[in-house]
Amino acid sequence: MPPSETERDLTRLEADLKRLEAEYNMFFSGRLPKPPWETRSRVEAVVKRYDRAYIQNTGDRFRFSTLQSRFAAFIDLWDRGMRAREEGRAGPFPQKRSVEKEQPEKGAEDRILRVAAFKDPVQEIDKLTELYESLGEARRSVGEENVPFHKFAELVKGQVSKLRQTDNAEVAFRVAVKDGKVSFTARSMKGAGD
């Protein structure tokens, strides 16, 4: 059975949304001279048309609502980025020029942002999430991009299993900013007083 018109439109909308995301990323990184208004208005028109229409197929309706909420989240992020850029603030997207100016000042202050100990990171997901958010905050403060959560979780899990092979203790992770750079370290804790 060939795909319906709605399915074809949703597939096109999904592709256009990915293209729009890529174009905005290029704009905020300085590779595009102006925001992608044409692509954005094309995506917006399709979203508005389907928002007003009734989609009979439940699967298509769910797919559209997922794409619509993703588009709304992106719009919010991009608008905040544009507003911050117009006001001369850093905003949600790192701007390399302003980071280079700020780094000498930030290098002066070394600080530990978070320390967390794990026996099994899979069972301690709240603690893992807090550690990830601290690392993300530290990386943003020095103008670095954040790592995806799944890669971070794999790294922590790997370090815990590697360091716990030698002795049955907790593994402590530390997020710090030192000399304007983010430091993320792990070490085995033999006892509470260590």
C-alpha atoms as a PDB file:
ATOM      1  CA  MET A   1       0.000   0.000   0.000  1.00  0.00           C
ATOM      2  CA  PRO A   2       1.529   3.373  -1.003  1.00  0.00           C
ATOM      3  CA  PRO A   3       1.973   5.992   1.729  1.00  0.00           C
ATOM      4  CA  SER A   4      -0.896   8.441   2.209  1.00  0.00           C
ATOM      5  CA  GLU A   5      -0.554  12.158   1.522  1.00  0.00           C
ATOM      6  CA  THR A   6      -0.313  12.777   5.276  1.00  0.00           C
ATOM      7  CA  GLU A   7       2.542  10.263   5.630  1.00  0.00           C
ATOM      8  CA  ARG A   8       4.409  11.867   2.716  1.00  0.00           C
ATOM      9  CA  ASP A   9       3.908  15.341   4.214  1.00  0.00           C
ATOM     10  CA  LEU A  10       5.109  14.186   7.644  1.00  0.00           C
ATOM     11  CA  THR A  11       8.205  12.569   6.109  1.00  0.00           C
ATOM     12  CA  ARG A  12       8.907  15.824   4.234  1.00  0.00           C
ATOM     13  CA  LEU A  13       8.280  17.807   7.448  1.00  0.00           C
ATOM     14  CA  GLU A  14      10.730  15.606   9.346  1.00  0.00           C
ATOM     15  CA  ALA A  15      13.414  16.130   6.668  1.00  0.00           C
ATOM     16  CA  ASP A  16      12.757  19.893   6.577  1.00  0.00           C
ATOM     17  CA  LEU A  17      12.996  20.084  10.368  1.00  0.00           C
ATOM     18  CA  LYS A  18      16.394  18.330  10.268  1.00  0.00           C
ATOM     19  CA  ARG A  19      17.544  20.712   7.517  1.00  0.00           C
ATOM     20  CA  LEU A  20      16.299  23.697   9.535  1.00  0.00           C
ATOM     21  CA  GLU A  21      18.164  22.489  12.623  1.00  0.00           C
ATOM     22  CA  ALA A  22      21.369  22.110  10.569  1.00  0.00           C
ATOM     23  CA  GLU A  23      20.946  25.574   9.026  1.00  0.00           C
ATOM     24  CA  TYR A  24      20.420  27.194  12.435  1.00  0.00           C
ATOM     25  CA  ASN A  25      23.503  25.390  13.764  1.00  0.00           C
ATOM     26  CA  MET A  26      25.495  26.748  10.812  1.00  0.00           C
ATOM     27  CA  PHE A  27      24.091  30.242  11.418  1.00  0.00           C
ATOM     28  CA  PHE A  28      24.982  30.255  15.129  1.00  0.00           C
ATOM     29  CA  SER A  29      28.467  28.876  14.399  1.00  0.00           C
ATOM     30  CA  GLY A  30      29.047  31.692  11.905  1.00  0.00           C
ATOM     31  CA  ARG A  31      28.953  29.655   8.675  1.00  0.00           C
ATOM     32  CA  LEU A  32      25.673  31.205   7.434  1.00  0.00           C
ATOM     33  CA  PRO A  33      25.383  35.011   7.153  1.00  0.00           C
ATOM     34  CA  LYS A  34      21.683  35.202   8.081  1.00  0.00           C
ATOM     35  CA  PRO A  35      19.114  33.015   9.870  1.00  0.00           C
ATOM     36  CA  PRO A  36      17.269  30.450   7.679  1.00  0.00           C
ATOM     37  CA  TRP A  37      13.961  32.357   7.548  1.00  0.00           C
ATOM     38  CA  GLU A  38      12.731  30.664   4.332  1.00  0.00           C
ATOM     39  CA  THR A  39      13.152  27.117   5.653  1.00  0.00           C
ATOM     40  CA  ARG A  40      11.640  28.136   8.987  1.00  0.00           C
ATOM     41  CA  SER A  41       8.536  29.675   7.365  1.00  0.00           C
ATOM     42  CA  ARG A  42       8.096  26.594   5.136  1.00  0.00           C
ATOM     43  CA  VAL A  43       8.208  24.282   8.197  1.00  0.00           C
ATOM     44  CA  GLU A  44       5.955  26.648  10.147  1.00  0.00           C
ATOM     45  CA  ALA A  45       3.350  26.623   7.349  1.00  0.00           C
ATOM     46  CA  VAL A  46       3.166  22.802   7.317  1.00  0.00           C
ATOM     47  CA  VAL A  47       2.971  22.656  11.126  1.00  0.00           C
ATOM     48  CA  LYS A  48       0.138  25.236  11.178  1.00  0.00           C
ATOM     49  CA  ARG A  49      -1.762  23.442   8.402  1.00  0.00           C
ATOM     50  CA  TYR A  50      -1.691  20.094  10.215  1.00  0.00           C
ATOM     51  CA  ASP A  51      -2.310  21.710  13.606  1.00  0.00           C
ATOM     52  CA  ARG A  52      -5.642  23.023  12.300  1.00  0.00           C
ATOM     53  CA  ALA A  53      -6.565  19.799  10.461  1.00  0.00           C
ATOM     54  CA  TYR A  54      -7.850  16.549  11.926  1.00  0.00           C
ATOM     55  CA  ILE A  55      -5.442  13.641  11.372  1.00  0.00           C
ATOM     56  CA  GLN A  56      -7.461  10.438  11.310  1.00  0.00           C
ATOM     57  CA  ASN A  57      -4.639   7.892  11.672  1.00  0.00           C
ATOM     58  CA  THR A  58      -3.495   7.655  15.318  1.00  0.00           C
ATOM     59  CA  GLY A  59       0.111   6.831  14.317  1.00  0.00           C
ATOM     60  CA  ASP A  60       0.281   9.873  12.030  1.00  0.00           C
ATOM     61  CA  ARG A  61      -1.291  12.060  14.736  1.00  0.00           C
ATOM     62  CA  PHE A  62       1.330  10.910  17.274  1.00  0.00           C
ATOM     63  CA  ARG A  63       4.150  11.431  14.749  1.00  0.00           C
ATOM     64  CA  PHE A  64       2.885  14.946  13.982  1.00  0.00           C
ATOM     65  CA  SER A  65       2.545  15.909  17.659  1.00  0.00           C
ATOM     66  CA  THR A  66       6.123  14.666  18.255  1.00  0.00           C
ATOM     67  CA  LEU A  67       7.438  16.738  15.340  1.00  0.00           C
ATOM     68  CA  GLN A  68       5.358  19.733  16.440  1.00  0.00           C
ATOM     69  CA  SER A  69       6.699  19.702  20.010  1.00  0.00           C
ATOM     70  CA  ARG A  70      10.261  19.235  18.711  1.00  0.00           C
ATOM     71  CA  PHE A  71       9.778  22.230  16.401  1.00  0.00           C
ATOM     72  CA  ALA A  72       8.363  24.316  19.276  1.00  0.00           C
ATOM     73  CA  ALA A  73      11.351  23.443  21.494  1.00  0.00           C
ATOM     74  CA  PHE A  74      13.777  24.379  18.714  1.00  0.00           C
ATOM     75  CA  ILE A  75      11.944  27.662  18.037  1.00  0.00           C
ATOM     76  CA  ASP A  76      12.238  28.570  21.711  1.00  0.00           C
ATOM     77  CA  LEU A  77      15.959  27.737  21.731  1.00  0.00           C
ATOM     78  CA  TRP A  78      16.677  29.603  18.491  1.00  0.00           C
ATOM     79  CA  ASP A  79      14.692  32.668  19.563  1.00  0.00           C
ATOM     80  CA  ARG A  80      16.572  32.779  22.881  1.00  0.00           C
ATOM     81  CA  GLY A  81      19.833  32.474  20.941  1.00  0.00           C
ATOM     82  CA  MET A  82      18.855  35.326  18.618  1.00  0.00           C
ATOM     83  CA  ARG A  83      17.748  37.533  21.516  1.00  0.00           C
ATOM     84  CA  ALA A  84      20.984  36.859  23.402  1.00  0.00           C
ATOM     85  CA  ARG A  85      23.035  37.620  20.294  1.00  0.00           C
ATOM     86  CA  GLU A  86      21.181  40.911  19.743  1.00  0.00           C
ATOM     87  CA  GLU A  87      21.713  41.859  23.398  1.00  0.00           C
ATOM     88  CA  GLY A  88      25.404  40.907  23.255  1.00  0.00           C
ATOM     89  CA  ARG A  89      25.090  38.049  25.754  1.00  0.00           C
ATOM     90  CA  ALA A  90      26.492  34.518  25.365  1.00  0.00           C
ATOM     91  CA  GLY A  91      23.091  32.785  25.252  1.00  0.00           C
ATOM     92  CA  PRO A  92      22.522  29.060  24.651  1.00  0.00           C
ATOM     93  CA  PHE A  93      25.025  28.900  21.777  1.00  0.00           C
ATOM     94  CA  PRO A  94      28.737  29.393  22.510  1.00  0.00           C
ATOM     95  CA  GLN A  95      30.369  32.298  20.703  1.00  0.00           C
ATOM     96  CA  LYS A  96      34.070  31.696  20.270  1.00  0.00           C
ATOM     97  CA  ARG A  97      35.147  35.354  20.129  1.00  0.00           C
ATOM     98  CA  SER A  98      33.634  36.308  23.490  1.00  0.00           C
ATOM     99  CA  VAL A  99      34.974  33.109  25.107  1.00  0.00           C
ATOM    100  CA  GLU A 100      38.551  33.977  24.131  1.00  0.00           C
ATOM    101  CA  LYS A 101      38.180  37.389  25.783  1.00  0.00           C
ATOM    102  CA  GLU A 102      36.759  35.914  29.011  1.00  0.00           C
ATOM    103  CA  GLN A 103      39.233  33.049  29.455  1.00  0.00           C
ATOM    104  CA  PRO A 104      42.080  34.970  31.115  1.00  0.00           C
ATOM    105  CA  GLU A 105      39.691  36.185  33.832  1.00  0.00           C
ATOM    106  CA  LYS A 106      38.187  32.732  34.367  1.00  0.00           C
ATOM    107  CA  GLY A 107      41.611  31.084  34.509  1.00  0.00           C
ATOM    108  CA  ALA A 108      42.302  33.001  37.690  1.00  0.00           C
ATOM    109  CA  GLU A 109      39.655  31.149  39.656  1.00  0.00           C
ATOM    110  CA  ASP A 110      40.062  27.399  40.161  1.00  0.00           C
ATOM    111  CA  ARG A 111      37.030  25.736  41.659  1.00  0.00           C
ATOM    112  CA  ILE A 112      35.583  22.286  42.338  1.00  0.00           C
ATOM    113  CA  LEU A 113      31.983  22.165  41.164  1.00  0.00           C
ATOM    114  CA  ARG A 114      30.883  18.683  42.227  1.00  0.00           C
ATOM    115  CA  VAL A 115      32.181  15.458  43.718  1.00  0.00           C
ATOM    116  CA  ALA A 116      30.127  12.257  43.510  1.00  0.00           C
ATOM    117  CA  ALA A 117      30.936   8.677  44.511  1.00  0.00           C
ATOM    118  CA  PHE A 118      29.445   5.608  42.832  1.00  0.00           C
ATOM    119  CA  LYS A 119      29.319   1.874  43.453  1.00  0.00           C
ATOM    120  CA  ASP A 120      26.884   1.217  40.599  1.00  0.00           C
ATOM    121  CA  PRO A 121      26.024   4.213  38.353  1.00  0.00           C
ATOM    122  CA  VAL A 122      23.069   2.358  36.783  1.00  0.00           C
ATOM    123  CA  GLN A 123      21.375   2.166  40.202  1.00  0.00           C
ATOM    124  CA  GLU A 124      22.308   5.775  41.095  1.00  0.00           C
ATOM    125  CA  ILE A 125      20.845   7.551  38.057  1.00  0.00           C
ATOM    126  CA  ASP A 126      19.853  10.733  39.970  1.00  0.00           C
ATOM    127  CA  LYS A 127      23.414  11.220  41.198  1.00  0.00           C
ATOM    128  CA  LEU A 128      24.715  10.474  37.672  1.00  0.00           C
ATOM    129  CA  THR A 129      22.349  13.062  36.163  1.00  0.00           C
ATOM    130  CA  GLU A 130      23.458  15.730  38.675  1.00  0.00           C
ATOM    131  CA  LEU A 131      27.114  14.985  37.901  1.00  0.00           C
ATOM    132  CA  TYR A 132      26.383  15.240  34.158  1.00  0.00           C
ATOM    133  CA  GLU A 133      24.628  18.599  34.627  1.00  0.00           C
ATOM    134  CA  SER A 134      27.590  19.927  36.642  1.00  0.00           C
ATOM    135  CA  LEU A 135      29.990  18.825  33.908  1.00  0.00           C
ATOM    136  CA  GLY A 136      27.786  20.443  31.255  1.00  0.00           C
ATOM    137  CA  GLU A 137      27.637  23.691  33.222  1.00  0.00           C
ATOM    138  CA  ALA A 138      31.433  23.693  33.641  1.00  0.00           C
ATOM    139  CA  ARG A 139      32.005  23.008  29.933  1.00  0.00           C
ATOM    140  CA  ARG A 140      29.607  25.804  28.921  1.00  0.00           C
ATOM    141  CA  SER A 141      31.328  28.233  31.311  1.00  0.00           C
ATOM    142  CA  VAL A 142      34.614  27.780  29.430  1.00  0.00           C
ATOM    143  CA  GLY A 143      32.977  27.717  25.976  1.00  0.00           C
ATOM    144  CA  GLU A 144      33.141  23.965  25.294  1.00  0.00           C
ATOM    145  CA  GLU A 145      30.302  21.859  23.920  1.00  0.00           C
ATOM    146  CA  ASN A 146      28.653  19.299  26.169  1.00  0.00           C
ATOM    147  CA  VAL A 147      29.043  15.552  25.563  1.00  0.00           C
ATOM    148  CA  PRO A 148      25.910  13.440  24.974  1.00  0.00           C
ATOM    149  CA  PHE A 149      24.515  11.876  28.158  1.00  0.00           C
ATOM    150  CA  HIS A 150      24.795   8.288  26.894  1.00  0.00           C
ATOM    151  CA  LYS A 151      28.540   8.707  26.204  1.00  0.00           C
ATOM    152  CA  PHE A 152      29.038  10.292  29.623  1.00  0.00           C
ATOM    153  CA  ALA A 153      27.130   7.448  31.330  1.00  0.00           C
ATOM    154  CA  GLU A 154      29.224   4.838  29.476  1.00  0.00           C
ATOM    155  CA  LEU A 155      32.435   6.593  30.545  1.00  0.00           C
ATOM    156  CA  VAL A 156      31.390   6.707  34.216  1.00  0.00           C
ATOM    157  CA  LYS A 157      30.220   3.078  34.145  1.00  0.00           C
ATOM    158  CA  GLY A 158      33.505   2.007  32.498  1.00  0.00           C
ATOM    159  CA  GLN A 159      35.634   3.912  35.019  1.00  0.00           C
ATOM    160  CA  VAL A 160      33.678   2.469  37.962  1.00  0.00           C
ATOM    161  CA  SER A 161      34.070  -1.123  36.742  1.00  0.00           C
ATOM    162  CA  LYS A 162      37.768  -0.565  35.922  1.00  0.00           C
ATOM    163  CA  LEU A 163      38.652   1.043  39.254  1.00  0.00           C
ATOM    164  CA  ARG A 164      36.521  -1.347  41.325  1.00  0.00           C
ATOM    165  CA  GLN A 165      38.274  -4.435  39.896  1.00  0.00           C
ATOM    166  CA  THR A 166      41.216  -3.849  42.192  1.00  0.00           C
ATOM    167  CA  ASP A 167      39.266  -3.233  45.398  1.00  0.00           C
ATOM    168  CA  ASN A 168      35.616  -3.287  46.436  1.00  0.00           C
ATOM    169  CA  ALA A 169      35.151   0.438  47.082  1.00  0.00           C
ATOM    170  CA  GLU A 170      33.326   3.424  45.727  1.00  0.00           C
ATOM    171  CA  VAL A 171      34.727   5.453  42.848  1.00  0.00           C
ATOM    172  CA  ALA A 172      34.716   9.228  43.278  1.00  0.00           C
ATOM    173  CA  PHE A 173      34.331  11.591  40.324  1.00  0.00           C
ATOM    174  CA  ARG A 174      35.229  15.259  40.487  1.00  0.00           C
ATOM    175  CA  VAL A 175      34.191  18.095  38.167  1.00  0.00           C
ATOM    176  CA  ALA A 176      36.432  21.138  38.497  1.00  0.00           C
ATOM    177  CA  VAL A 177      37.530  24.171  36.515  1.00  0.00           C
ATOM    178  CA  LYS A 178      41.274  24.747  36.643  1.00  0.00           C
ATOM    179  CA  ASP A 179      43.241  27.341  34.641  1.00  0.00           C
ATOM    180  CA  GLY A 180      40.171  27.995  32.484  1.00  0.00           C
ATOM    181  CA  LYS A 181      39.810  24.296  31.567  1.00  0.00           C
ATOM    182  CA  VAL A 182      37.365  21.639  32.740  1.00  0.00           C
ATOM    183  CA  SER A 183      38.858  18.795  34.747  1.00  0.00           C
ATOM    184  CA  PHE A 184      36.890  15.545  35.145  1.00  0.00           C
ATOM    185  CA  THR A 185      38.716  12.952  37.252  1.00  0.00           C
ATOM    186  CA  ALA A 186      37.954   9.569  38.802  1.00  0.00           C
ATOM    187  CA  ARG A 187      39.680   7.744  41.638  1.00  0.00           C
ATOM    188  CA  SER A 188      39.019   4.764  43.831  1.00  0.00           C
ATOM    189  CA  MET A 189      38.083   5.449  47.461  1.00  0.00           C
ATOM    190  CA  LYS A 190      39.358   2.797  49.864  1.00  0.00           C
ATOM    191  CA  GLY A 191      37.547   4.145  52.908  1.00  0.00           C
ATOM    192  CA  ALA A 192      35.313   7.014  53.992  1.00  0.00           C
ATOM    193  CA  GLY A 193      38.257   8.986  55.351  1.00  0.00           C
ATOM    194  CA  ASP A 194      40.269   8.740  52.124  1.00  0.00           C
END
